[in-house]
């Protein structure tokens, strides 16, 4: 009797499992999360949003915007003067081509490549010859970005996504940044 009851329960769940396996993974999606960026000893935090479109199980495109939330401060010595500098991310924007590797139901590994721009503001204060000096600088940087990550959708619609992205800045500002992010993910 127990075997028969178990078989009935299992048979009743098969259509649900089959539906879950064939749930469409194409279409519009959005992410909202927190970003932690490290570059040249400076750590900055930001709130980031992404909007993307998944063409099929393997390919998509996404854009991202971020606004600074947490700044950093450094102290250096220049010509015998101590310089305190505060750094803040004003904003960043990027566009990516995205590759998805479906590993299990509602779980994907992600690879992405793109191009972006970041604007960082630096405000410094120094004492030179007994006179306080204020220095402000806004630096724009364009970068080629390469990233990997994973996402899991709990119910096929709502989930979580984690990423690592390497930003390689071009031009006279040839530095790099290591960017880690965690986000809420929603499929429409």
C-alpha atoms as a PDB file:
ATOM      1  CA  UNK A   1       0.000   0.000   0.000  1.00  0.00           C
ATOM      2  CA  UNK A   2       2.838   2.407   0.856  1.00  0.00           C
ATOM      3  CA  UNK A   3       4.512   1.617  -2.460  1.00  0.00           C
ATOM      4  CA  UNK A   4       1.267   2.281  -4.330  1.00  0.00           C
ATOM      5  CA  UNK A   5       0.746   5.617  -2.511  1.00  0.00           C
ATOM      6  CA  UNK A   6       4.359   6.648  -3.237  1.00  0.00           C
ATOM      7  CA  UNK A   7       3.931   5.791  -6.916  1.00  0.00           C
ATOM      8  CA  UNK A   8       0.749   7.895  -7.133  1.00  0.00           C
ATOM      9  CA  UNK A   9       2.490  10.887  -5.508  1.00  0.00           C
ATOM     10  CA  UNK A  10       5.513  10.512  -7.799  1.00  0.00           C
ATOM     11  CA  UNK A  11       3.299  10.238 -10.893  1.00  0.00           C
ATOM     12  CA  UNK A  12       1.382  13.358  -9.875  1.00  0.00           C
ATOM     13  CA  UNK A  13       4.636  15.329  -9.571  1.00  0.00           C
ATOM     14  CA  UNK A  14       5.962  14.344 -13.012  1.00  0.00           C
ATOM     15  CA  UNK A  15       3.955  16.976 -14.919  1.00  0.00           C
ATOM     16  CA  UNK A  16       5.213  19.657 -12.494  1.00  0.00           C
ATOM     17  CA  UNK A  17       8.837  18.510 -12.927  1.00  0.00           C
ATOM     18  CA  UNK A  18       8.442  18.364 -16.710  1.00  0.00           C
ATOM     19  CA  UNK A  19       7.011  21.888 -16.720  1.00  0.00           C
ATOM     20  CA  UNK A  20       9.895  23.175 -14.570  1.00  0.00           C
ATOM     21  CA  UNK A  21      12.462  21.654 -16.940  1.00  0.00           C
ATOM     22  CA  UNK A  22      10.852  23.301 -19.966  1.00  0.00           C
ATOM     23  CA  UNK A  23      10.215  26.693 -18.369  1.00  0.00           C
ATOM     24  CA  UNK A  24      11.366  29.362 -20.828  1.00  0.00           C
ATOM     25  CA  UNK A  25      14.644  31.065 -19.946  1.00  0.00           C
ATOM     26  CA  UNK A  26      14.467  33.670 -22.706  1.00  0.00           C
ATOM     27  CA  UNK A  27      13.274  37.230 -22.313  1.00  0.00           C
ATOM     28  CA  UNK A  28      13.835  40.346 -20.277  1.00  0.00           C
ATOM     29  CA  UNK A  29      15.558  40.264 -16.878  1.00  0.00           C
ATOM     30  CA  UNK A  30      16.731  42.786 -14.283  1.00  0.00           C
ATOM     31  CA  UNK A  31      19.220  42.754 -11.382  1.00  0.00           C
ATOM     32  CA  UNK A  32      19.586  45.134  -8.455  1.00  0.00           C
ATOM     33  CA  UNK A  33      22.505  44.768  -6.078  1.00  0.00           C
ATOM     34  CA  UNK A  34      25.678  45.935  -4.386  1.00  0.00           C
ATOM     35  CA  UNK A  35      29.135  46.243  -5.969  1.00  0.00           C
ATOM     36  CA  UNK A  36      32.544  46.274  -4.271  1.00  0.00           C
ATOM     37  CA  UNK A  37      35.343  47.598  -6.532  1.00  0.00           C
ATOM     38  CA  UNK A  38      39.090  47.455  -5.757  1.00  0.00           C
ATOM     39  CA  UNK A  39      41.692  49.437  -7.712  1.00  0.00           C
ATOM     40  CA  UNK A  40      45.188  50.610  -6.725  1.00  0.00           C
ATOM     41  CA  UNK A  41      44.533  50.169  -3.014  1.00  0.00           C
ATOM     42  CA  UNK A  42      41.207  52.012  -3.166  1.00  0.00           C
ATOM     43  CA  UNK A  43      37.944  50.226  -2.284  1.00  0.00           C
ATOM     44  CA  UNK A  44      34.658  51.711  -3.488  1.00  0.00           C
ATOM     45  CA  UNK A  45      31.078  50.503  -3.082  1.00  0.00           C
ATOM     46  CA  UNK A  46      28.091  51.166  -5.320  1.00  0.00           C
ATOM     47  CA  UNK A  47      24.454  50.304  -5.913  1.00  0.00           C
ATOM     48  CA  UNK A  48      24.129  48.680  -9.337  1.00  0.00           C
ATOM     49  CA  UNK A  49      21.234  47.923 -11.654  1.00  0.00           C
ATOM     50  CA  UNK A  50      21.268  45.735 -14.746  1.00  0.00           C
ATOM     51  CA  UNK A  51      18.715  45.297 -17.494  1.00  0.00           C
ATOM     52  CA  UNK A  52      19.203  42.486 -19.974  1.00  0.00           C
ATOM     53  CA  UNK A  53      17.626  40.348 -22.625  1.00  0.00           C
ATOM     54  CA  UNK A  54      18.296  36.631 -23.009  1.00  0.00           C
ATOM     55  CA  UNK A  55      17.824  35.574 -26.643  1.00  0.00           C
ATOM     56  CA  UNK A  56      17.990  31.829 -25.972  1.00  0.00           C
ATOM     57  CA  UNK A  57      19.417  29.467 -23.345  1.00  0.00           C
ATOM     58  CA  UNK A  58      23.003  30.515 -24.176  1.00  0.00           C
ATOM     59  CA  UNK A  59      23.202  34.157 -25.379  1.00  0.00           C
ATOM     60  CA  UNK A  60      22.072  37.554 -24.185  1.00  0.00           C
ATOM     61  CA  UNK A  61      22.958  41.215 -23.846  1.00  0.00           C
ATOM     62  CA  UNK A  62      22.832  43.480 -20.786  1.00  0.00           C
ATOM     63  CA  UNK A  63      23.479  47.034 -19.743  1.00  0.00           C
ATOM     64  CA  UNK A  64      24.434  48.134 -16.254  1.00  0.00           C
ATOM     65  CA  UNK A  65      24.448  51.408 -14.344  1.00  0.00           C
ATOM     66  CA  UNK A  66      25.968  52.040 -10.919  1.00  0.00           C
ATOM     67  CA  UNK A  67      26.043  54.973  -8.513  1.00  0.00           C
ATOM     68  CA  UNK A  68      28.559  55.344  -5.707  1.00  0.00           C
ATOM     69  CA  UNK A  69      27.463  54.413  -2.187  1.00  0.00           C
ATOM     70  CA  UNK A  70      30.687  53.905  -0.179  1.00  0.00           C
ATOM     71  CA  UNK A  71      33.898  55.908  -0.644  1.00  0.00           C
ATOM     72  CA  UNK A  72      37.468  55.387   0.545  1.00  0.00           C
ATOM     73  CA  UNK A  73      40.224  57.555   1.999  1.00  0.00           C
ATOM     74  CA  UNK A  74      43.989  57.348   1.579  1.00  0.00           C
ATOM     75  CA  UNK A  75      46.892  59.280   3.087  1.00  0.00           C
ATOM     76  CA  UNK A  76      50.111  59.805   1.128  1.00  0.00           C
ATOM     77  CA  UNK A  77      53.199  61.936   1.564  1.00  0.00           C
ATOM     78  CA  UNK A  78      54.121  64.286  -1.282  1.00  0.00           C
ATOM     79  CA  UNK A  79      57.145  66.580  -0.920  1.00  0.00           C
ATOM     80  CA  UNK A  80      57.092  66.212   2.864  1.00  0.00           C
ATOM     81  CA  UNK A  81      53.402  67.124   3.052  1.00  0.00           C
ATOM     82  CA  UNK A  82      50.729  64.673   4.187  1.00  0.00           C
ATOM     83  CA  UNK A  83      47.881  64.455   1.674  1.00  0.00           C
ATOM     84  CA  UNK A  84      44.503  63.008   2.680  1.00  0.00           C
ATOM     85  CA  UNK A  85      42.414  62.055  -0.351  1.00  0.00           C
ATOM     86  CA  UNK A  86      38.783  60.912  -0.387  1.00  0.00           C
ATOM     87  CA  UNK A  87      37.578  58.859  -3.372  1.00  0.00           C
ATOM     88  CA  UNK A  88      33.988  58.378  -4.507  1.00  0.00           C
ATOM     89  CA  UNK A  89      32.489  56.641  -7.515  1.00  0.00           C
ATOM     90  CA  UNK A  90      30.154  59.130  -9.168  1.00  0.00           C
ATOM     91  CA  UNK A  91      28.740  56.625 -11.648  1.00  0.00           C
ATOM     92  CA  UNK A  92      29.578  53.882 -14.083  1.00  0.00           C
ATOM     93  CA  UNK A  93      27.870  52.420 -17.129  1.00  0.00           C
ATOM     94  CA  UNK A  94      28.660  49.415 -19.322  1.00  0.00           C
ATOM     95  CA  UNK A  95      27.207  47.248 -22.079  1.00  0.00           C
ATOM     96  CA  UNK A  96      27.911  43.488 -22.248  1.00  0.00           C
ATOM     97  CA  UNK A  97      27.458  40.464 -24.437  1.00  0.00           C
ATOM     98  CA  UNK A  98      26.530  37.582 -22.112  1.00  0.00           C
ATOM     99  CA  UNK A  99      26.967  33.826 -22.418  1.00  0.00           C
ATOM    100  CA  UNK A 100      24.899  31.492 -20.233  1.00  0.00           C
ATOM    101  CA  UNK A 101      25.675  27.878 -19.424  1.00  0.00           C
ATOM    102  CA  UNK A 102      22.590  26.167 -17.953  1.00  0.00           C
ATOM    103  CA  UNK A 103      23.969  23.717 -15.363  1.00  0.00           C
ATOM    104  CA  UNK A 104      20.738  22.672 -13.654  1.00  0.00           C
ATOM    105  CA  UNK A 105      17.135  23.762 -13.546  1.00  0.00           C
ATOM    106  CA  UNK A 106      17.139  27.530 -12.764  1.00  0.00           C
ATOM    107  CA  UNK A 107      20.946  27.568 -12.254  1.00  0.00           C
ATOM    108  CA  UNK A 108      23.318  29.178 -14.807  1.00  0.00           C
ATOM    109  CA  UNK A 109      27.006  29.915 -15.021  1.00  0.00           C
ATOM    110  CA  UNK A 110      27.623  33.270 -16.706  1.00  0.00           C
ATOM    111  CA  UNK A 111      30.429  34.729 -18.805  1.00  0.00           C
ATOM    112  CA  UNK A 112      30.361  38.282 -20.141  1.00  0.00           C
ATOM    113  CA  UNK A 113      32.482  40.719 -22.088  1.00  0.00           C
ATOM    114  CA  UNK A 114      31.822  44.408 -22.557  1.00  0.00           C
ATOM    115  CA  UNK A 115      32.926  48.007 -22.591  1.00  0.00           C
ATOM    116  CA  UNK A 116      32.215  50.638 -19.957  1.00  0.00           C
ATOM    117  CA  UNK A 117      32.931  54.040 -18.473  1.00  0.00           C
ATOM    118  CA  UNK A 118      33.487  54.979 -14.829  1.00  0.00           C
ATOM    119  CA  UNK A 119      33.706  58.420 -13.225  1.00  0.00           C
ATOM    120  CA  UNK A 120      35.601  58.708  -9.925  1.00  0.00           C
ATOM    121  CA  UNK A 121      35.913  61.902  -7.900  1.00  0.00           C
ATOM    122  CA  UNK A 122      38.987  62.510  -5.737  1.00  0.00           C
ATOM    123  CA  UNK A 123      39.099  65.296  -3.138  1.00  0.00           C
ATOM    124  CA  UNK A 124      42.408  65.950  -1.415  1.00  0.00           C
ATOM    125  CA  UNK A 125      43.593  68.220   1.375  1.00  0.00           C
ATOM    126  CA  UNK A 126      47.226  68.980   2.145  1.00  0.00           C
ATOM    127  CA  UNK A 127      49.256  71.381   4.174  1.00  0.00           C
ATOM    128  CA  UNK A 128      52.021  73.037   2.157  1.00  0.00           C
ATOM    129  CA  UNK A 129      54.237  75.646   3.870  1.00  0.00           C
ATOM    130  CA  UNK A 130      51.690  75.838   6.696  1.00  0.00           C
ATOM    131  CA  UNK A 131      48.865  76.660   4.273  1.00  0.00           C
ATOM    132  CA  UNK A 132      45.971  74.203   3.755  1.00  0.00           C
ATOM    133  CA  UNK A 133      45.458  73.316   0.095  1.00  0.00           C
ATOM    134  CA  UNK A 134      42.276  71.692  -1.273  1.00  0.00           C
ATOM    135  CA  UNK A 135      42.523  69.625  -4.431  1.00  0.00           C
ATOM    136  CA  UNK A 136      39.555  68.166  -6.334  1.00  0.00           C
ATOM    137  CA  UNK A 137      39.739  65.966  -9.396  1.00  0.00           C
ATOM    138  CA  UNK A 138      37.189  64.064 -11.462  1.00  0.00           C
ATOM    139  CA  UNK A 139      38.608  61.205 -13.500  1.00  0.00           C
ATOM    140  CA  UNK A 140      36.730  59.448 -16.304  1.00  0.00           C
ATOM    141  CA  UNK A 141      37.991  56.055 -17.397  1.00  0.00           C
ATOM    142  CA  UNK A 142      36.929  53.785 -20.242  1.00  0.00           C
ATOM    143  CA  UNK A 143      37.493  50.071 -19.811  1.00  0.00           C
ATOM    144  CA  UNK A 144      37.213  46.686 -21.451  1.00  0.00           C
ATOM    145  CA  UNK A 145      35.446  44.398 -19.004  1.00  0.00           C
ATOM    146  CA  UNK A 146      35.534  40.617 -18.676  1.00  0.00           C
ATOM    147  CA  UNK A 147      33.457  38.777 -16.089  1.00  0.00           C
ATOM    148  CA  UNK A 148      32.203  35.443 -14.772  1.00  0.00           C
ATOM    149  CA  UNK A 149      29.410  34.587 -12.385  1.00  0.00           C
ATOM    150  CA  UNK A 150      26.477  32.398 -11.484  1.00  0.00           C
ATOM    151  CA  UNK A 151      22.779  32.849 -10.895  1.00  0.00           C
ATOM    152  CA  UNK A 152      20.050  30.759  -9.310  1.00  0.00           C
ATOM    153  CA  UNK A 153      16.316  31.457  -9.594  1.00  0.00           C
ATOM    154  CA  UNK A 154      14.438  29.928  -6.666  1.00  0.00           C
ATOM    155  CA  UNK A 155      11.048  29.835  -8.351  1.00  0.00           C
ATOM    156  CA  UNK A 156      12.049  30.356 -11.986  1.00  0.00           C
ATOM    157  CA  UNK A 157      11.437  34.116 -11.675  1.00  0.00           C
ATOM    158  CA  UNK A 158      13.146  35.458  -8.521  1.00  0.00           C
ATOM    159  CA  UNK A 159      16.712  34.654  -7.612  1.00  0.00           C
ATOM    160  CA  UNK A 160      20.221  35.714  -6.710  1.00  0.00           C
ATOM    161  CA  UNK A 161      23.259  36.448  -8.881  1.00  0.00           C
ATOM    162  CA  UNK A 162      26.945  36.812  -8.009  1.00  0.00           C
ATOM    163  CA  UNK A 163      29.658  38.125 -10.357  1.00  0.00           C
ATOM    164  CA  UNK A 164      33.329  38.936 -10.625  1.00  0.00           C
ATOM    165  CA  UNK A 165      34.349  41.436 -13.337  1.00  0.00           C
ATOM    166  CA  UNK A 166      37.842  42.599 -14.289  1.00  0.00           C
ATOM    167  CA  UNK A 167      37.924  46.137 -15.707  1.00  0.00           C
ATOM    168  CA  UNK A 168      41.003  46.945 -17.809  1.00  0.00           C
ATOM    169  CA  UNK A 169      41.142  50.724 -18.285  1.00  0.00           C
ATOM    170  CA  UNK A 170      42.513  52.088 -21.563  1.00  0.00           C
ATOM    171  CA  UNK A 171      44.379  55.260 -22.494  1.00  0.00           C
ATOM    172  CA  UNK A 172      46.475  57.344 -20.129  1.00  0.00           C
ATOM    173  CA  UNK A 173      44.605  55.801 -17.165  1.00  0.00           C
ATOM    174  CA  UNK A 174      45.862  52.251 -17.880  1.00  0.00           C
ATOM    175  CA  UNK A 175      44.916  50.626 -14.573  1.00  0.00           C
ATOM    176  CA  UNK A 176      42.548  47.836 -13.645  1.00  0.00           C
ATOM    177  CA  UNK A 177      39.766  47.214 -11.149  1.00  0.00           C
ATOM    178  CA  UNK A 178      38.468  44.018  -9.582  1.00  0.00           C
ATOM    179  CA  UNK A 179      34.695  44.274  -9.151  1.00  0.00           C
ATOM    180  CA  UNK A 180      32.598  41.854  -7.063  1.00  0.00           C
ATOM    181  CA  UNK A 181      28.813  42.028  -7.040  1.00  0.00           C
ATOM    182  CA  UNK A 182      25.820  40.338  -5.461  1.00  0.00           C
ATOM    183  CA  UNK A 183      22.308  41.050  -6.719  1.00  0.00           C
ATOM    184  CA  UNK A 184      18.651  40.176  -6.612  1.00  0.00           C
ATOM    185  CA  UNK A 185      17.634  38.826 -10.025  1.00  0.00           C
ATOM    186  CA  UNK A 186      14.168  38.914 -11.601  1.00  0.00           C
ATOM    187  CA  UNK A 187      12.975  37.406 -14.901  1.00  0.00           C
ATOM    188  CA  UNK A 188      10.006  39.050 -16.592  1.00  0.00           C
END
